[in-house]
Amino acid sequence: MDAEMKQMLIELRNSIDTLMTFAVPEW
């Protein structure tokens, strides 16, 4: 996997983590 693809996947994961913070309740 090239570096550009790896960077895109990392950014996607970070975006999903950010969305989960707002979309999913704490409990």
PDB file of all heavy atoms in Angstrom:
ATOM      1  N   MET A   1       0.859  -1.170   0.000  1.00  0.00           N
ATOM      2  CA  MET A   1       0.000   0.000   0.000  1.00  0.00           C
ATOM      3  C   MET A   1       0.907   1.236   0.000  1.00  0.00           C
ATOM      4  O   MET A   1       1.801   1.341   0.823  1.00  0.00           O
ATOM      5  CB  MET A   1      -0.903  -0.037   1.228  1.00  0.00           C
ATOM      6  CG  MET A   1      -1.920   1.047   1.241  1.00  0.00           C
ATOM      7  SD  MET A   1      -3.039   1.057   2.675  1.00  0.00           S
ATOM      8  CE  MET A   1      -3.456  -0.619   2.935  1.00  0.00           C
ATOM      9  N   ASP A   2       0.644   2.137  -0.895  1.00  0.00           N
ATOM     10  CA  ASP A   2       1.494   3.316  -0.969  1.00  0.00           C
ATOM     11  C   ASP A   2       1.136   4.323   0.130  1.00  0.00           C
ATOM     12  O   ASP A   2       0.097   4.243   0.766  1.00  0.00           O
ATOM     13  CB  ASP A   2       1.443   3.949  -2.349  1.00  0.00           C
ATOM     14  CG  ASP A   2       0.061   4.477  -2.713  1.00  0.00           C
ATOM     15  OD1 ASP A   2      -0.909   4.123  -2.022  1.00  0.00           O
ATOM     16  OD2 ASP A   2      -0.040   5.250  -3.678  1.00  0.00           O
ATOM     17  N   ALA A   3       2.035   5.273   0.332  1.00  0.00           N
ATOM     18  CA  ALA A   3       1.896   6.238   1.431  1.00  0.00           C
ATOM     19  C   ALA A   3       0.657   7.109   1.280  1.00  0.00           C
ATOM     20  O   ALA A   3       0.007   7.463   2.272  1.00  0.00           O
ATOM     21  CB  ALA A   3       3.147   7.111   1.504  1.00  0.00           C
ATOM     22  N   GLU A   4       0.314   7.470   0.046  1.00  0.00           N
ATOM     23  CA  GLU A   4      -0.853   8.321  -0.179  1.00  0.00           C
ATOM     24  C   GLU A   4      -2.143   7.616   0.242  1.00  0.00           C
ATOM     25  O   GLU A   4      -3.011   8.200   0.899  1.00  0.00           O
ATOM     26  CB  GLU A   4      -0.930   8.715  -1.656  1.00  0.00           C
ATOM     27  CG  GLU A   4      -2.043   9.692  -1.959  1.00  0.00           C
ATOM     28  CD  GLU A   4      -2.057  10.099  -3.428  1.00  0.00           C
ATOM     29  OE1 GLU A   4      -0.984  10.130  -4.058  1.00  0.00           O
ATOM     30  OE2 GLU A   4      -3.167  10.387  -3.916  1.00  0.00           O
ATOM     31  N   MET A   5      -2.267   6.344  -0.118  1.00  0.00           N
ATOM     32  CA  MET A   5      -3.448   5.559   0.251  1.00  0.00           C
ATOM     33  C   MET A   5      -3.518   5.390   1.768  1.00  0.00           C
ATOM     34  O   MET A   5      -4.591   5.513   2.369  1.00  0.00           O
ATOM     35  CB  MET A   5      -3.413   4.195  -0.426  1.00  0.00           C
ATOM     36  CG  MET A   5      -4.602   3.338  -0.082  1.00  0.00           C
ATOM     37  SD  MET A   5      -6.135   3.985  -0.725  1.00  0.00           S
ATOM     38  CE  MET A   5      -6.181   3.135  -2.262  1.00  0.00           C
ATOM     39  N   LYS A   6      -2.390   5.135   2.395  1.00  0.00           N
ATOM     40  CA  LYS A   6      -2.344   4.965   3.849  1.00  0.00           C
ATOM     41  C   LYS A   6      -2.789   6.251   4.545  1.00  0.00           C
ATOM     42  O   LYS A   6      -3.559   6.214   5.503  1.00  0.00           O
ATOM     43  CB  LYS A   6      -0.926   4.589   4.270  1.00  0.00           C
ATOM     44  CG  LYS A   6      -0.844   3.974   5.646  1.00  0.00           C
ATOM     45  CD  LYS A   6       0.569   3.547   5.966  1.00  0.00           C
ATOM     46  CE  LYS A   6       0.855   2.219   5.313  1.00  0.00           C
ATOM     47  NZ  LYS A   6       2.118   1.619   5.763  1.00  0.00           N
ATOM     48  N   GLN A   7      -2.325   7.398   4.034  1.00  0.00           N
ATOM     49  CA  GLN A   7      -2.699   8.692   4.608  1.00  0.00           C
ATOM     50  C   GLN A   7      -4.200   8.940   4.458  1.00  0.00           C
ATOM     51  O   GLN A   7      -4.859   9.441   5.370  1.00  0.00           O
ATOM     52  CB  GLN A   7      -1.897   9.827   3.963  1.00  0.00           C
ATOM     53  CG  GLN A   7      -2.167  11.189   4.572  1.00  0.00           C
ATOM     54  CD  GLN A   7      -1.806  11.257   6.043  1.00  0.00           C
ATOM     55  OE1 GLN A   7      -0.876  10.605   6.506  1.00  0.00           O
ATOM     56  NE2 GLN A   7      -2.565  12.034   6.794  1.00  0.00           N
ATOM     57  N   MET A   8      -4.757   8.583   3.307  1.00  0.00           N
ATOM     58  CA  MET A   8      -6.196   8.746   3.089  1.00  0.00           C
ATOM     59  C   MET A   8      -7.000   7.896   4.055  1.00  0.00           C
ATOM     60  O   MET A   8      -8.018   8.343   4.596  1.00  0.00           O
ATOM     61  CB  MET A   8      -6.558   8.379   1.643  1.00  0.00           C
ATOM     62  CG  MET A   8      -6.144   9.427   0.636  1.00  0.00           C
ATOM     63  SD  MET A   8      -6.453   8.932  -1.076  1.00  0.00           S
ATOM     64  CE  MET A   8      -8.191   8.569  -1.066  1.00  0.00           C
ATOM     65  N   LEU A   9      -6.549   6.672   4.315  1.00  0.00           N
ATOM     66  CA  LEU A   9      -7.246   5.794   5.259  1.00  0.00           C
ATOM     67  C   LEU A   9      -7.173   6.338   6.681  1.00  0.00           C
ATOM     68  O   LEU A   9      -8.149   6.264   7.434  1.00  0.00           O
ATOM     69  CB  LEU A   9      -6.677   4.383   5.183  1.00  0.00           C
ATOM     70  CG  LEU A   9      -7.000   3.605   3.917  1.00  0.00           C
ATOM     71  CD1 LEU A   9      -6.231   2.294   3.886  1.00  0.00           C
ATOM     72  CD2 LEU A   9      -8.492   3.361   3.795  1.00  0.00           C
ATOM     73  N   ILE A  10      -6.042   6.898   7.042  1.00  0.00           N
ATOM     74  CA  ILE A  10      -5.898   7.495   8.378  1.00  0.00           C
ATOM     75  C   ILE A  10      -6.846   8.681   8.523  1.00  0.00           C
ATOM     76  O   ILE A  10      -7.521   8.833   9.548  1.00  0.00           O
ATOM     77  CB  ILE A  10      -4.436   7.900   8.634  1.00  0.00           C
ATOM     78  CG1 ILE A  10      -3.578   6.641   8.801  1.00  0.00           C
ATOM     79  CG2 ILE A  10      -4.318   8.799   9.859  1.00  0.00           C
ATOM     80  CD1 ILE A  10      -2.084   6.912   8.824  1.00  0.00           C
ATOM     81  N   GLU A  11      -6.922   9.520   7.505  1.00  0.00           N
ATOM     82  CA  GLU A  11      -7.828  10.670   7.545  1.00  0.00           C
ATOM     83  C   GLU A  11      -9.282  10.226   7.616  1.00  0.00           C
ATOM     84  O   GLU A  11     -10.091  10.817   8.341  1.00  0.00           O
ATOM     85  CB  GLU A  11      -7.601  11.556   6.322  1.00  0.00           C
ATOM     86  CG  GLU A  11      -6.307  12.322   6.361  1.00  0.00           C
ATOM     87  CD  GLU A  11      -6.051  13.101   5.085  1.00  0.00           C
ATOM     88  OE1 GLU A  11      -6.989  13.295   4.287  1.00  0.00           O
ATOM     89  OE2 GLU A  11      -4.897  13.536   4.895  1.00  0.00           O
ATOM     90  N   LEU A  12      -9.624   9.174   6.884  1.00  0.00           N
ATOM     91  CA  LEU A  12     -10.981   8.640   6.918  1.00  0.00           C
ATOM     92  C   LEU A  12     -11.320   8.120   8.310  1.00  0.00           C
ATOM     93  O   LEU A  12     -12.391   8.395   8.844  1.00  0.00           O
ATOM     94  CB  LEU A  12     -11.146   7.533   5.877  1.00  0.00           C
ATOM     95  CG  LEU A  12     -12.504   6.863   5.806  1.00  0.00           C
ATOM     96  CD1 LEU A  12     -13.580   7.876   5.432  1.00  0.00           C
ATOM     97  CD2 LEU A  12     -12.468   5.731   4.805  1.00  0.00           C
ATOM     98  N   ARG A  13     -10.397   7.376   8.910  1.00  0.00           N
ATOM     99  CA  ARG A  13     -10.622   6.848  10.260  1.00  0.00           C
ATOM    100  C   ARG A  13     -10.809   7.989  11.251  1.00  0.00           C
ATOM    101  O   ARG A  13     -11.705   7.951  12.107  1.00  0.00           O
ATOM    102  CB  ARG A  13      -9.458   5.963  10.685  1.00  0.00           C
ATOM    103  CG  ARG A  13      -9.701   5.335  12.072  1.00  0.00           C
ATOM    104  CD  ARG A  13      -8.504   4.640  12.608  1.00  0.00           C
ATOM    105  NE  ARG A  13      -7.469   5.638  12.846  1.00  0.00           N
ATOM    106  CZ  ARG A  13      -6.176   5.384  12.896  1.00  0.00           C
ATOM    107  NH1 ARG A  13      -5.749   4.163  12.699  1.00  0.00           N
ATOM    108  NH2 ARG A  13      -5.316   6.339  13.129  1.00  0.00           N
ATOM    109  N   ASN A  14      -9.995   9.033  11.152  1.00  0.00           N
ATOM    110  CA  ASN A  14     -10.118  10.179  12.054  1.00  0.00           C
ATOM    111  C   ASN A  14     -11.450  10.894  11.867  1.00  0.00           C
ATOM    112  O   ASN A  14     -12.074  11.333  12.842  1.00  0.00           O
ATOM    113  CB  ASN A  14      -8.956  11.144  11.854  1.00  0.00           C
ATOM    114  CG  ASN A  14      -7.648  10.570  12.331  1.00  0.00           C
ATOM    115  OD1 ASN A  14      -7.619   9.637  13.128  1.00  0.00           O
ATOM    116  ND2 ASN A  14      -6.555  11.113  11.832  1.00  0.00           N
ATOM    117  N   SER A  15     -11.914  10.988  10.632  1.00  0.00           N
ATOM    118  CA  SER A  15     -13.215  11.613  10.357  1.00  0.00           C
ATOM    119  C   SER A  15     -14.345  10.797  10.959  1.00  0.00           C
ATOM    120  O   SER A  15     -15.280  11.344  11.543  1.00  0.00           O
ATOM    121  CB  SER A  15     -13.428  11.758   8.856  1.00  0.00           C
ATOM    122  OG  SER A  15     -12.480  12.624   8.302  1.00  0.00           O
ATOM    123  N   ILE A  16     -14.258   9.493  10.823  1.00  0.00           N
ATOM    124  CA  ILE A  16     -15.287   8.611  11.397  1.00  0.00           C
ATOM    125  C   ILE A  16     -15.285   8.725  12.914  1.00  0.00           C
ATOM    126  O   ILE A  16     -16.346   8.785  13.541  1.00  0.00           O
ATOM    127  CB  ILE A  16     -15.074   7.161  10.931  1.00  0.00           C
ATOM    128  CG1 ILE A  16     -15.396   7.058   9.439  1.00  0.00           C
ATOM    129  CG2 ILE A  16     -15.931   6.200  11.738  1.00  0.00           C
ATOM    130  CD1 ILE A  16     -15.036   5.732   8.810  1.00  0.00           C
ATOM    131  N   ASP A  17     -14.101   8.756  13.524  1.00  0.00           N
ATOM    132  CA  ASP A  17     -14.020   8.906  14.979  1.00  0.00           C
ATOM    133  C   ASP A  17     -14.661  10.209  15.440  1.00  0.00           C
ATOM    134  O   ASP A  17     -15.366  10.246  16.449  1.00  0.00           O
ATOM    135  CB  ASP A  17     -12.562   8.855  15.445  1.00  0.00           C
ATOM    136  CG  ASP A  17     -11.966   7.458  15.365  1.00  0.00           C
ATOM    137  OD1 ASP A  17     -12.734   6.487  15.232  1.00  0.00           O
ATOM    138  OD2 ASP A  17     -10.730   7.352  15.419  1.00  0.00           O
ATOM    139  N   THR A  18     -14.431  11.278  14.690  1.00  0.00           N
ATOM    140  CA  THR A  18     -15.025  12.577  15.024  1.00  0.00           C
ATOM    141  C   THR A  18     -16.538  12.523  14.912  1.00  0.00           C
ATOM    142  O   THR A  18     -17.256  13.013  15.798  1.00  0.00           O
ATOM    143  CB  THR A  18     -14.473  13.678  14.102  1.00  0.00           C
ATOM    144  OG1 THR A  18     -13.055  13.709  14.233  1.00  0.00           O
ATOM    145  CG2 THR A  18     -15.045  15.035  14.461  1.00  0.00           C
ATOM    146  N   LEU A  19     -17.044  11.913  13.845  1.00  0.00           N
ATOM    147  CA  LEU A  19     -18.492  11.788  13.677  1.00  0.00           C
ATOM    148  C   LEU A  19     -19.111  10.939  14.777  1.00  0.00           C
ATOM    149  O   LEU A  19     -20.209  11.226  15.256  1.00  0.00           O
ATOM    150  CB  LEU A  19     -18.816  11.188  12.308  1.00  0.00           C
ATOM    151  CG  LEU A  19     -18.603  12.104  11.111  1.00  0.00           C
ATOM    152  CD1 LEU A  19     -18.779  11.321   9.821  1.00  0.00           C
ATOM    153  CD2 LEU A  19     -19.554  13.279  11.155  1.00  0.00           C
ATOM    154  N   MET A  20     -18.433   9.873  15.179  1.00  0.00           N
ATOM    155  CA  MET A  20     -18.952   8.998  16.231  1.00  0.00           C
ATOM    156  C   MET A  20     -19.093   9.751  17.548  1.00  0.00           C
ATOM    157  O   MET A  20     -19.975   9.458  18.337  1.00  0.00           O
ATOM    158  CB  MET A  20     -18.037   7.783  16.420  1.00  0.00           C
ATOM    159  CG  MET A  20     -18.048   6.821  15.256  1.00  0.00           C
ATOM    160  SD  MET A  20     -19.649   6.076  14.980  1.00  0.00           S
ATOM    161  CE  MET A  20     -19.702   4.918  16.311  1.00  0.00           C
ATOM    162  N   THR A  21     -18.232  10.717  17.783  1.00  0.00           N
ATOM    163  CA  THR A  21     -18.305  11.499  19.011  1.00  0.00           C
ATOM    164  C   THR A  21     -19.639  12.223  19.111  1.00  0.00           C
ATOM    165  O   THR A  21     -20.218  12.328  20.182  1.00  0.00           O
ATOM    166  CB  THR A  21     -17.163  12.533  19.050  1.00  0.00           C
ATOM    167  OG1 THR A  21     -15.939  11.871  18.805  1.00  0.00           O
ATOM    168  CG2 THR A  21     -17.087  13.219  20.385  1.00  0.00           C
ATOM    169  N   PHE A  22     -20.129  12.700  17.968  1.00  0.00           N
ATOM    170  CA  PHE A  22     -21.381  13.449  17.957  1.00  0.00           C
ATOM    171  C   PHE A  22     -22.597  12.568  17.730  1.00  0.00           C
ATOM    172  O   PHE A  22     -23.680  12.860  18.213  1.00  0.00           O
ATOM    173  CB  PHE A  22     -21.329  14.534  16.871  1.00  0.00           C
ATOM    174  CG  PHE A  22     -20.259  15.544  17.106  1.00  0.00           C
ATOM    175  CD1 PHE A  22     -19.150  15.595  16.289  1.00  0.00           C
ATOM    176  CD2 PHE A  22     -20.350  16.438  18.154  1.00  0.00           C
ATOM    177  CE1 PHE A  22     -18.148  16.523  16.506  1.00  0.00           C
ATOM    178  CE2 PHE A  22     -19.349  17.375  18.384  1.00  0.00           C
ATOM    179  CZ  PHE A  22     -18.249  17.417  17.557  1.00  0.00           C
ATOM    180  N   ALA A  23     -22.470  11.502  16.968  1.00  0.00           N
ATOM    181  CA  ALA A  23     -23.612  10.694  16.553  1.00  0.00           C
ATOM    182  C   ALA A  23     -24.031   9.641  17.571  1.00  0.00           C
ATOM    183  O   ALA A  23     -25.196   9.281  17.641  1.00  0.00           O
ATOM    184  CB  ALA A  23     -23.310  10.011  15.216  1.00  0.00           C
ATOM    185  N   VAL A  24     -23.099   9.152  18.360  1.00  0.00           N
ATOM    186  CA  VAL A  24     -23.387   8.062  19.295  1.00  0.00           C
ATOM    187  C   VAL A  24     -23.422   8.622  20.713  1.00  0.00           C
ATOM    188  O   VAL A  24     -22.488   9.302  21.140  1.00  0.00           O
ATOM    189  CB  VAL A  24     -22.305   6.962  19.188  1.00  0.00           C
ATOM    190  CG1 VAL A  24     -22.580   5.839  20.162  1.00  0.00           C
ATOM    191  CG2 VAL A  24     -22.235   6.424  17.771  1.00  0.00           C
ATOM    192  N   PRO A  25     -24.495   8.342  21.451  1.00  0.00           N
ATOM    193  CA  PRO A  25     -24.568   8.835  22.836  1.00  0.00           C
ATOM    194  C   PRO A  25     -23.507   8.158  23.712  1.00  0.00           C
ATOM    195  O   PRO A  25     -23.024   7.069  23.399  1.00  0.00           O
ATOM    196  CB  PRO A  25     -25.983   8.443  23.278  1.00  0.00           C
ATOM    197  CG  PRO A  25     -26.389   7.351  22.370  1.00  0.00           C
ATOM    198  CD  PRO A  25     -25.668   7.567  21.080  1.00  0.00           C
ATOM    199  N   GLU A  26     -23.153   8.798  24.809  1.00  0.00           N
ATOM    200  CA  GLU A  26     -22.133   8.257  25.715  1.00  0.00           C
ATOM    201  C   GLU A  26     -22.593   6.937  26.342  1.00  0.00           C
ATOM    202  O   GLU A  26     -21.799   6.031  26.542  1.00  0.00           O
ATOM    203  CB  GLU A  26     -21.809   9.279  26.801  1.00  0.00           C
ATOM    204  CG  GLU A  26     -20.643   8.898  27.676  1.00  0.00           C
ATOM    205  CD  GLU A  26     -19.319   8.795  26.924  1.00  0.00           C
ATOM    206  OE1 GLU A  26     -19.124   9.509  25.937  1.00  0.00           O
ATOM    207  OE2 GLU A  26     -18.474   7.991  27.344  1.00  0.00           O
ATOM    208  N   TRP A  27     -23.877   6.818  26.666  1.00  0.00           N
ATOM    209  CA  TRP A  27     -24.445   5.599  27.250  1.00  0.00           C
ATOM    210  C   TRP A  27     -25.626   5.143  26.400  1.00  0.00           C
ATOM    211  O   TRP A  27     -26.400   5.961  25.934  1.00  0.00           O
ATOM    212  CB  TRP A  27     -24.930   5.854  28.677  1.00  0.00           C
ATOM    213  CG  TRP A  27     -23.832   6.174  29.633  1.00  0.00           C
ATOM    214  CD1 TRP A  27     -23.373   7.408  29.961  1.00  0.00           C
ATOM    215  CD2 TRP A  27     -23.043   5.246  30.374  1.00  0.00           C
ATOM    216  NE1 TRP A  27     -22.351   7.316  30.866  1.00  0.00           N
ATOM    217  CE2 TRP A  27     -22.131   6.001  31.148  1.00  0.00           C
ATOM    218  CE3 TRP A  27     -23.021   3.862  30.469  1.00  0.00           C
ATOM    219  CZ2 TRP A  27     -21.202   5.408  31.993  1.00  0.00           C
ATOM    220  CZ3 TRP A  27     -22.097   3.275  31.319  1.00  0.00           C
ATOM    221  CH2 TRP A  27     -21.197   4.029  32.074  1.00  0.00           C
TER     222      TRP A  27
END
